[in-house]
PDB file of all heavy atoms in Angstrom:
ATOM      1  N   VAL A   1      84.970  97.994  67.569  1.00  0.00           N
ATOM      2  CA  VAL A   1      86.136  97.231  67.557  1.00  0.00           C
ATOM      3  C   VAL A   1      86.705  97.147  68.967  1.00  0.00           C
ATOM      4  O   VAL A   1      86.843  98.227  69.597  1.00  0.00           O
ATOM      5  CB  VAL A   1      87.251  97.666  66.636  1.00  0.00           C
ATOM      6  CG1 VAL A   1      88.604  96.851  66.782  1.00  0.00           C
ATOM      7  CG2 VAL A   1      86.656  97.384  65.136  1.00  0.00           C
ATOM      8  N   ALA A   2      87.056  95.996  69.604  1.00  0.00           N
ATOM      9  CA  ALA A   2      87.518  95.870  70.842  1.00  0.00           C
ATOM     10  C   ALA A   2      88.742  95.050  70.869  1.00  0.00           C
ATOM     11  O   ALA A   2      89.041  94.210  70.037  1.00  0.00           O
ATOM     12  CB  ALA A   2      86.460  95.374  71.755  1.00  0.00           C
ATOM     13  N   THR A   3      89.573  95.253  71.944  1.00  0.00           N
ATOM     14  CA  THR A   3      90.711  94.383  72.266  1.00  0.00           C
ATOM     15  C   THR A   3      90.546  93.818  73.669  1.00  0.00           C
ATOM     16  O   THR A   3      90.235  94.605  74.568  1.00  0.00           O
ATOM     17  CB  THR A   3      92.033  95.089  72.117  1.00  0.00           C
ATOM     18  OG1 THR A   3      92.031  96.275  72.988  1.00  0.00           O
ATOM     19  CG2 THR A   3      92.243  95.610  70.668  1.00  0.00           C
ATOM     20  N   GLU A   4      90.623  92.529  73.778  1.00  0.00           N
ATOM     21  CA  GLU A   4      90.753  91.822  75.109  1.00  0.00           C
ATOM     22  C   GLU A   4      89.302  91.630  75.685  1.00  0.00           C
ATOM     23  O   GLU A   4      89.168  90.596  76.361  1.00  0.00           O
ATOM     24  CB  GLU A   4      91.614  92.404  76.122  1.00  0.00           C
ATOM     25  CG  GLU A   4      93.105  92.431  75.583  1.00  0.00           C
ATOM     26  CD  GLU A   4      94.091  92.883  76.670  1.00  0.00           C
ATOM     27  OE1 GLU A   4      93.615  93.430  77.620  1.00  0.00           O
ATOM     28  OE2 GLU A   4      95.285  92.827  76.365  1.00  0.00           O
ATOM     29  N   ARG A   5      88.482  92.526  75.654  1.00  0.00           N
ATOM     30  CA  ARG A   5      87.094  92.312  76.273  1.00  0.00           C
ATOM     31  C   ARG A   5      86.006  93.248  75.700  1.00  0.00           C
ATOM     32  O   ARG A   5      86.390  94.320  75.141  1.00  0.00           O
ATOM     33  CB  ARG A   5      87.145  92.471  77.790  1.00  0.00           C
ATOM     34  CG  ARG A   5      87.354  94.007  78.339  1.00  0.00           C
ATOM     35  CD  ARG A   5      87.486  93.899  79.815  1.00  0.00           C
ATOM     36  NE  ARG A   5      86.258  93.358  80.375  1.00  0.00           N
ATOM     37  CZ  ARG A   5      86.158  92.685  81.649  1.00  0.00           C
ATOM     38  NH1 ARG A   5      87.364  92.636  82.339  1.00  0.00           N
ATOM     39  NH2 ARG A   5      85.074  92.302  82.092  1.00  0.00           N
ATOM     40  N   ALA A   6      84.793  92.822  75.702  1.00  0.00           N
ATOM     41  CA  ALA A   6      83.683  93.597  75.362  1.00  0.00           C
ATOM     42  C   ALA A   6      82.457  93.243  76.217  1.00  0.00           C
ATOM     43  O   ALA A   6      82.282  92.116  76.503  1.00  0.00           O
ATOM     44  CB  ALA A   6      83.345  93.345  73.890  1.00  0.00           C
ATOM     45  N   THR A   7      81.648  94.282  76.489  1.00  0.00           N
ATOM     46  CA  THR A   7      80.394  94.128  77.178  1.00  0.00           C
ATOM     47  C   THR A   7      79.377  94.512  76.283  1.00  0.00           C
ATOM     48  O   THR A   7      79.288  95.627  75.656  1.00  0.00           O
ATOM     49  CB  THR A   7      80.351  94.958  78.506  1.00  0.00           C
ATOM     50  OG1 THR A   7      81.523  94.546  79.311  1.00  0.00           O
ATOM     51  CG2 THR A   7      79.046  94.790  79.238  1.00  0.00           C
ATOM     52  N   ILE A   8      78.284  93.590  76.092  1.00  0.00           N
ATOM     53  CA  ILE A   8      77.157  93.931  75.242  1.00  0.00           C
ATOM     54  C   ILE A   8      75.883  94.081  76.078  1.00  0.00           C
ATOM     55  O   ILE A   8      75.594  93.080  76.751  1.00  0.00           O
ATOM     56  CB  ILE A   8      76.955  92.796  74.138  1.00  0.00           C
ATOM     57  CG1 ILE A   8      78.204  92.642  73.319  1.00  0.00           C
ATOM     58  CG2 ILE A   8      75.821  93.174  73.182  1.00  0.00           C
ATOM     59  CD1 ILE A   8      79.071  91.479  73.762  1.00  0.00           C
ATOM     60  N   ARG A   9      75.277  95.141  75.996  1.00  0.00           N
ATOM     61  CA  ARG A   9      74.083  95.335  76.828  1.00  0.00           C
ATOM     62  C   ARG A   9      72.854  95.419  75.896  1.00  0.00           C
ATOM     63  O   ARG A   9      72.886  96.298  74.905  1.00  0.00           O
ATOM     64  CB  ARG A   9      74.078  96.692  77.760  1.00  0.00           C
ATOM     65  CG  ARG A   9      75.158  96.660  78.752  1.00  0.00           C
ATOM     66  CD  ARG A   9      75.322  97.869  79.577  1.00  0.00           C
ATOM     67  NE  ARG A   9      76.170  97.760  80.603  1.00  0.00           N
ATOM     68  CZ  ARG A   9      77.485  97.953  80.542  1.00  0.00           C
ATOM     69  NH1 ARG A   9      78.127  98.150  79.433  1.00  0.00           N
ATOM     70  NH2 ARG A   9      78.288  97.818  81.547  1.00  0.00           N
ATOM     71  N   GLY A  10      71.828  94.700  76.091  1.00  0.00           N
ATOM     72  CA  GLY A  10      70.674  94.655  75.175  1.00  0.00           C
ATOM     73  C   GLY A  10      69.537  93.932  75.861  1.00  0.00           C
ATOM     74  O   GLY A  10      69.269  93.979  77.116  1.00  0.00           O
ATOM     75  N   GLU A  11      68.851  93.127  75.028  1.00  0.00           N
ATOM     76  CA  GLU A  11      67.743  92.275  75.488  1.00  0.00           C
ATOM     77  C   GLU A  11      67.949  90.854  75.155  1.00  0.00           C
ATOM     78  O   GLU A  11      68.792  90.467  74.168  1.00  0.00           O
ATOM     79  CB  GLU A  11      66.406  92.838  74.747  1.00  0.00           C
ATOM     80  CG  GLU A  11      66.076  94.205  75.092  1.00  0.00           C
ATOM     81  CD  GLU A  11      65.715  94.487  76.441  1.00  0.00           C
ATOM     82  OE1 GLU A  11      65.173  93.506  77.167  1.00  0.00           O
ATOM     83  OE2 GLU A  11      65.887  95.634  76.946  1.00  0.00           O
ATOM     84  N   ILE A  12      67.340  90.009  75.922  1.00  0.00           N
ATOM     85  CA  ILE A  12      67.364  88.527  75.543  1.00  0.00           C
ATOM     86  C   ILE A  12      66.913  88.272  74.215  1.00  0.00           C
ATOM     87  O   ILE A  12      65.876  88.742  73.738  1.00  0.00           O
ATOM     88  CB  ILE A  12      66.577  87.827  76.636  1.00  0.00           C
ATOM     89  CG1 ILE A  12      67.181  87.899  78.040  1.00  0.00           C
ATOM     90  CG2 ILE A  12      66.506  86.344  76.246  1.00  0.00           C
ATOM     91  CD1 ILE A  12      66.184  87.326  79.122  1.00  0.00           C
ATOM     92  N   GLY A  13      67.673  87.459  73.377  1.00  0.00           N
ATOM     93  CA  GLY A  13      67.421  87.225  72.021  1.00  0.00           C
ATOM     94  C   GLY A  13      68.071  88.158  71.050  1.00  0.00           C
ATOM     95  O   GLY A  13      68.007  87.785  69.752  1.00  0.00           O
ATOM     96  N   ASP A  14      68.666  89.125  71.367  1.00  0.00           N
ATOM     97  CA  ASP A  14      69.379  90.046  70.495  1.00  0.00           C
ATOM     98  C   ASP A  14      70.514  89.289  69.861  1.00  0.00           C
ATOM     99  O   ASP A  14      71.109  88.298  70.543  1.00  0.00           O
ATOM    100  CB  ASP A  14      69.998  91.338  71.221  1.00  0.00           C
ATOM    101  CG  ASP A  14      69.001  92.314  71.621  1.00  0.00           C
ATOM    102  OD1 ASP A  14      67.778  92.168  71.230  1.00  0.00           O
ATOM    103  OD2 ASP A  14      69.415  93.294  72.096  1.00  0.00           O
ATOM    104  N   THR A  15      70.918  89.617  68.596  1.00  0.00           N
ATOM    105  CA  THR A  15      71.972  88.843  67.930  1.00  0.00           C
ATOM    106  C   THR A  15      73.269  89.626  68.156  1.00  0.00           C
ATOM    107  O   THR A  15      73.323  90.795  68.184  1.00  0.00           O
ATOM    108  CB  THR A  15      71.563  88.899  66.401  1.00  0.00           C
ATOM    109  OG1 THR A  15      70.443  88.102  66.128  1.00  0.00           O
ATOM    110  CG2 THR A  15      72.785  88.337  65.602  1.00  0.00           C
ATOM    111  N   VAL A  16      74.326  88.855  68.388  1.00  0.00           N
ATOM    112  CA  VAL A  16      75.670  89.352  68.560  1.00  0.00           C
ATOM    113  C   VAL A  16      76.507  88.533  67.553  1.00  0.00           C
ATOM    114  O   VAL A  16      76.638  87.333  67.601  1.00  0.00           O
ATOM    115  CB  VAL A  16      76.158  89.221  70.045  1.00  0.00           C
ATOM    116  CG1 VAL A  16      77.566  89.556  70.085  1.00  0.00           C
ATOM    117  CG2 VAL A  16      75.304  90.059  70.995  1.00  0.00           C
ATOM    118  N   SER A  17      77.354  89.288  66.821  1.00  0.00           N
ATOM    119  CA  SER A  17      78.343  88.649  65.931  1.00  0.00           C
ATOM    120  C   SER A  17      79.730  89.146  66.356  1.00  0.00           C
ATOM    121  O   SER A  17      79.939  90.301  66.648  1.00  0.00           O
ATOM    122  CB  SER A  17      78.096  88.939  64.481  1.00  0.00           C
ATOM    123  OG  SER A  17      76.835  88.313  64.021  1.00  0.00           O
ATOM    124  N   LEU A  18      80.687  88.189  66.272  1.00  0.00           N
ATOM    125  CA  LEU A  18      82.097  88.457  66.678  1.00  0.00           C
ATOM    126  C   LEU A  18      82.933  88.196  65.394  1.00  0.00           C
ATOM    127  O   LEU A  18      82.989  86.968  65.061  1.00  0.00           O
ATOM    128  CB  LEU A  18      82.477  87.614  67.868  1.00  0.00           C
ATOM    129  CG  LEU A  18      81.663  87.695  69.129  1.00  0.00           C
ATOM    130  CD1 LEU A  18      82.170  86.705  70.165  1.00  0.00           C
ATOM    131  CD2 LEU A  18      81.720  89.168  69.731  1.00  0.00           C
ATOM    132  N   ILE A  19      83.470  89.139  64.834  1.00  0.00           N
ATOM    133  CA  ILE A  19      84.137  88.974  63.560  1.00  0.00           C
ATOM    134  C   ILE A  19      85.609  89.464  63.776  1.00  0.00           C
ATOM    135  O   ILE A  19      85.923  90.509  64.121  1.00  0.00           O
ATOM    136  CB  ILE A  19      83.437  89.942  62.496  1.00  0.00           C
ATOM    137  CG1 ILE A  19      82.063  89.594  62.352  1.00  0.00           C
ATOM    138  CG2 ILE A  19      84.341  89.881  61.208  1.00  0.00           C
ATOM    139  CD1 ILE A  19      81.244  90.441  61.434  1.00  0.00           C
ATOM    140  N   PRO A  20      86.535  88.409  63.583  1.00  0.00           N
ATOM    141  CA  PRO A  20      88.044  88.802  63.902  1.00  0.00           C
ATOM    142  C   PRO A  20      88.523  89.580  62.722  1.00  0.00           C
ATOM    143  O   PRO A  20      88.339  89.297  61.592  1.00  0.00           O
ATOM    144  CB  PRO A  20      88.670  87.412  63.808  1.00  0.00           C
ATOM    145  CG  PRO A  20      87.703  86.500  63.101  1.00  0.00           C
ATOM    146  CD  PRO A  20      86.353  87.078  63.283  1.00  0.00           C
ATOM    147  N   LEU A  21      89.287  90.684  63.151  1.00  0.00           N
ATOM    148  CA  LEU A  21      89.940  91.502  62.096  1.00  0.00           C
ATOM    149  C   LEU A  21      91.397  91.179  62.012  1.00  0.00           C
ATOM    150  O   LEU A  21      92.150  91.313  61.028  1.00  0.00           O
ATOM    151  CB  LEU A  21      89.875  92.882  62.572  1.00  0.00           C
ATOM    152  CG  LEU A  21      88.425  93.519  62.626  1.00  0.00           C
ATOM    153  CD1 LEU A  21      88.472  95.013  62.880  1.00  0.00           C
ATOM    154  CD2 LEU A  21      87.652  93.299  61.279  1.00  0.00           C
ATOM    155  N   ASP A  22      92.011  90.564  63.040  1.00  0.00           N
ATOM    156  CA  ASP A  22      93.307  90.032  62.967  1.00  0.00           C
ATOM    157  C   ASP A  22      93.324  88.700  62.322  1.00  0.00           C
ATOM    158  O   ASP A  22      92.190  87.955  62.309  1.00  0.00           O
ATOM    159  CB  ASP A  22      93.931  89.931  64.344  1.00  0.00           C
ATOM    160  CG  ASP A  22      94.521  91.262  64.826  1.00  0.00           C
ATOM    161  OD1 ASP A  22      95.225  91.962  63.984  1.00  0.00           O
ATOM    162  OD2 ASP A  22      94.122  91.670  65.905  1.00  0.00           O
ATOM    163  N   VAL A  23      94.472  88.108  61.984  1.00  0.00           N
ATOM    164  CA  VAL A  23      94.485  86.735  61.307  1.00  0.00           C
ATOM    165  C   VAL A  23      93.898  85.769  62.308  1.00  0.00           C
ATOM    166  O   VAL A  23      93.162  84.934  61.866  1.00  0.00           O
ATOM    167  CB  VAL A  23      95.941  86.382  60.977  1.00  0.00           C
ATOM    168  CG1 VAL A  23      95.973  85.022  60.515  1.00  0.00           C
ATOM    169  CG2 VAL A  23      96.538  87.291  59.904  1.00  0.00           C
ATOM    170  N   GLN A  24      94.182  85.902  63.546  1.00  0.00           N
ATOM    171  CA  GLN A  24      93.653  85.031  64.642  1.00  0.00           C
ATOM    172  C   GLN A  24      93.320  85.897  65.965  1.00  0.00           C
ATOM    173  O   GLN A  24      94.111  86.736  66.253  1.00  0.00           O
ATOM    174  CB  GLN A  24      94.613  83.872  64.997  1.00  0.00           C
ATOM    175  CG  GLN A  24      94.708  82.862  63.906  1.00  0.00           C
ATOM    176  CD  GLN A  24      95.425  81.600  64.428  1.00  0.00           C
ATOM    177  OE1 GLN A  24      96.316  81.679  65.259  1.00  0.00           O
ATOM    178  NE2 GLN A  24      95.060  80.446  64.016  1.00  0.00           N
ATOM    179  N   VAL A  25      92.264  85.636  66.401  1.00  0.00           N
ATOM    180  CA  VAL A  25      91.893  86.179  67.730  1.00  0.00           C
ATOM    181  C   VAL A  25      91.702  85.007  68.728  1.00  0.00           C
ATOM    182  O   VAL A  25      90.938  84.109  68.441  1.00  0.00           O
ATOM    183  CB  VAL A  25      90.522  86.973  67.741  1.00  0.00           C
ATOM    184  CG1 VAL A  25      90.298  87.519  69.126  1.00  0.00           C
ATOM    185  CG2 VAL A  25      90.748  88.098  66.818  1.00  0.00           C
ATOM    186  N   GLU A  26      92.623  84.999  69.753  1.00  0.00           N
ATOM    187  CA  GLU A  26      92.751  83.722  70.522  1.00  0.00           C
ATOM    188  C   GLU A  26      92.232  83.857  71.908  1.00  0.00           C
ATOM    189  O   GLU A  26      92.098  84.894  72.485  1.00  0.00           O
ATOM    190  CB  GLU A  26      94.337  83.522  70.587  1.00  0.00           C
ATOM    191  CG  GLU A  26      94.982  83.161  69.244  1.00  0.00           C
ATOM    192  CD  GLU A  26      96.428  82.926  69.316  1.00  0.00           C
ATOM    193  OE1 GLU A  26      97.032  83.643  70.255  1.00  0.00           O
ATOM    194  OE2 GLU A  26      97.010  82.178  68.683  1.00  0.00           O
ATOM    195  N   GLY A  27      91.883  82.691  72.483  1.00  0.00           N
ATOM    196  CA  GLY A  27      91.569  82.624  73.853  1.00  0.00           C
ATOM    197  C   GLY A  27      90.166  83.301  74.119  1.00  0.00           C
ATOM    198  O   GLY A  27      89.923  83.820  75.225  1.00  0.00           O
ATOM    199  N   ILE A  28      89.159  83.135  73.215  1.00  0.00           N
ATOM    200  CA  ILE A  28      87.904  83.740  73.418  1.00  0.00           C
ATOM    201  C   ILE A  28      87.048  83.091  74.347  1.00  0.00           C
ATOM    202  O   ILE A  28      86.787  81.778  74.197  1.00  0.00           O
ATOM    203  CB  ILE A  28      87.214  83.978  72.019  1.00  0.00           C
ATOM    204  CG1 ILE A  28      88.015  84.674  71.061  1.00  0.00           C
ATOM    205  CG2 ILE A  28      85.796  84.640  72.141  1.00  0.00           C
ATOM    206  CD1 ILE A  28      87.486  84.734  69.557  1.00  0.00           C
ATOM    207  N   VAL A  29      86.457  83.772  75.414  1.00  0.00           N
ATOM    208  CA  VAL A  29      85.523  83.160  76.305  1.00  0.00           C
ATOM    209  C   VAL A  29      84.333  84.115  76.276  1.00  0.00           C
ATOM    210  O   VAL A  29      84.503  85.306  76.599  1.00  0.00           O
ATOM    211  CB  VAL A  29      86.194  83.059  77.742  1.00  0.00           C
ATOM    212  CG1 VAL A  29      85.210  82.658  78.744  1.00  0.00           C
ATOM    213  CG2 VAL A  29      87.436  82.354  77.693  1.00  0.00           C
ATOM    214  N   THR A  30      83.093  83.467  76.206  1.00  0.00           N
ATOM    215  CA  THR A  30      81.908  84.222  76.134  1.00  0.00           C
ATOM    216  C   THR A  30      81.016  83.949  77.427  1.00  0.00           C
ATOM    217  O   THR A  30      81.077  82.743  77.890  1.00  0.00           O
ATOM    218  CB  THR A  30      81.017  83.882  74.963  1.00  0.00           C
ATOM    219  OG1 THR A  30      80.781  82.541  74.785  1.00  0.00           O
ATOM    220  CG2 THR A  30      81.903  84.359  73.616  1.00  0.00           C
ATOM    221  N   ASP A  31      80.277  84.776  77.827  1.00  0.00           N
ATOM    222  CA  ASP A  31      79.295  84.580  78.866  1.00  0.00           C
ATOM    223  C   ASP A  31      77.997  85.146  78.522  1.00  0.00           C
ATOM    224  O   ASP A  31      77.858  86.268  78.077  1.00  0.00           O
ATOM    225  CB  ASP A  31      79.828  85.283  80.220  1.00  0.00           C
ATOM    226  CG  ASP A  31      78.983  85.082  81.406  1.00  0.00           C
ATOM    227  OD1 ASP A  31      78.572  83.913  81.683  1.00  0.00           O
ATOM    228  OD2 ASP A  31      78.736  86.041  82.018  1.00  0.00           O
ATOM    229  N   GLN A  32      76.995  84.424  78.756  1.00  0.00           N
ATOM    230  CA  GLN A  32      75.512  84.769  78.510  1.00  0.00           C
ATOM    231  C   GLN A  32      75.379  84.933  76.906  1.00  0.00           C
ATOM    232  O   GLN A  32      74.422  85.646  76.510  1.00  0.00           O
ATOM    233  CB  GLN A  32      75.138  86.019  79.299  1.00  0.00           C
ATOM    234  CG  GLN A  32      75.283  85.911  80.656  1.00  0.00           C
ATOM    235  CD  GLN A  32      74.214  84.833  81.209  1.00  0.00           C
ATOM    236  OE1 GLN A  32      73.246  84.501  80.638  1.00  0.00           O
ATOM    237  NE2 GLN A  32      74.556  84.279  82.330  1.00  0.00           N
ATOM    238  N   LEU A  33      76.076  84.031  76.091  1.00  0.00           N
ATOM    239  CA  LEU A  33      75.743  83.953  74.668  1.00  0.00           C
ATOM    240  C   LEU A  33      75.194  82.449  74.447  1.00  0.00           C
ATOM    241  O   LEU A  33      75.828  81.613  75.053  1.00  0.00           O
ATOM    242  CB  LEU A  33      76.886  84.320  73.850  1.00  0.00           C
ATOM    243  CG  LEU A  33      77.183  85.790  73.729  1.00  0.00           C
ATOM    244  CD1 LEU A  33      78.423  86.008  72.864  1.00  0.00           C
ATOM    245  CD2 LEU A  33      76.094  86.669  73.299  1.00  0.00           C
ATOM    246  N   GLN A  34      74.309  82.277  73.490  1.00  0.00           N
ATOM    247  CA  GLN A  34      73.677  80.995  73.331  1.00  0.00           C
ATOM    248  C   GLN A  34      74.773  79.905  72.921  1.00  0.00           C
ATOM    249  O   GLN A  34      74.575  78.725  73.312  1.00  0.00           O
ATOM    250  CB  GLN A  34      72.590  81.055  72.312  1.00  0.00           C
ATOM    251  CG  GLN A  34      71.840  79.783  72.120  1.00  0.00           C
ATOM    252  CD  GLN A  34      70.730  79.941  71.191  1.00  0.00           C
ATOM    253  OE1 GLN A  34      70.361  81.072  70.736  1.00  0.00           O
ATOM    254  NE2 GLN A  34      69.969  78.913  70.966  1.00  0.00           N
ATOM    255  N   TYR A  35      75.660  80.313  72.022  1.00  0.00           N
ATOM    256  CA  TYR A  35      76.697  79.250  71.534  1.00  0.00           C
ATOM    257  C   TYR A  35      78.010  79.750  72.080  1.00  0.00           C
ATOM    258  O   TYR A  35      78.632  80.665  71.576  1.00  0.00           O
ATOM    259  CB  TYR A  35      76.668  79.410  70.022  1.00  0.00           C
ATOM    260  CG  TYR A  35      75.277  79.105  69.388  1.00  0.00           C
ATOM    261  CD1 TYR A  35      74.676  80.258  68.732  1.00  0.00           C
ATOM    262  CD2 TYR A  35      74.676  77.927  69.379  1.00  0.00           C
ATOM    263  CE1 TYR A  35      73.385  80.089  68.148  1.00  0.00           C
ATOM    264  CE2 TYR A  35      73.340  77.779  68.882  1.00  0.00           C
ATOM    265  CZ  TYR A  35      72.728  78.845  68.284  1.00  0.00           C
ATOM    266  OH  TYR A  35      71.500  78.655  67.716  1.00  0.00           O
ATOM    267  N   PRO A  36      78.487  79.115  73.145  1.00  0.00           N
ATOM    268  CA  PRO A  36      79.557  79.493  73.909  1.00  0.00           C
ATOM    269  C   PRO A  36      80.887  79.333  73.259  1.00  0.00           C
ATOM    270  O   PRO A  36      81.076  78.397  72.502  1.00  0.00           O
ATOM    271  CB  PRO A  36      79.415  78.852  75.283  1.00  0.00           C
ATOM    272  CG  PRO A  36      78.747  77.609  74.963  1.00  0.00           C
ATOM    273  CD  PRO A  36      77.744  78.002  73.857  1.00  0.00           C
ATOM    274  N   LEU A  37      81.886  80.086  73.506  1.00  0.00           N
ATOM    275  CA  LEU A  37      83.262  79.907  73.116  1.00  0.00           C
ATOM    276  C   LEU A  37      83.954  79.742  74.448  1.00  0.00           C
ATOM    277  O   LEU A  37      83.800  80.677  75.471  1.00  0.00           O
ATOM    278  CB  LEU A  37      83.803  81.020  72.410  1.00  0.00           C
ATOM    279  CG  LEU A  37      83.166  81.270  70.973  1.00  0.00           C
ATOM    280  CD1 LEU A  37      83.679  82.544  70.288  1.00  0.00           C
ATOM    281  CD2 LEU A  37      83.405  80.012  70.065  1.00  0.00           C
ATOM    282  N   ARG A  38      84.861  78.776  74.558  1.00  0.00           N
ATOM    283  CA  ARG A  38      85.578  78.561  75.917  1.00  0.00           C
ATOM    284  C   ARG A  38      87.139  78.483  75.574  1.00  0.00           C
ATOM    285  O   ARG A  38      87.658  77.410  75.424  1.00  0.00           O
ATOM    286  CB  ARG A  38      85.097  77.204  76.476  1.00  0.00           C
ATOM    287  CG  ARG A  38      83.624  77.258  76.879  1.00  0.00           C
ATOM    288  CD  ARG A  38      83.406  78.080  78.089  1.00  0.00           C
ATOM    289  NE  ARG A  38      82.076  78.178  78.538  1.00  0.00           N
ATOM    290  CZ  ARG A  38      81.299  79.230  78.305  1.00  0.00           C
ATOM    291  NH1 ARG A  38      81.693  80.244  77.692  1.00  0.00           N
ATOM    292  NH2 ARG A  38      80.033  79.232  78.780  1.00  0.00           N
TER     293      ARG A  38
END
């Protein structure tokens, strides 16, 4: 579980899931993920 930022180290093609634990997690920006959030 992280707040404000997370770094994921792995291999190209690995799966990453982002699951909100609060009612809303706002302002999410992703880098180097196939389906970007801006």
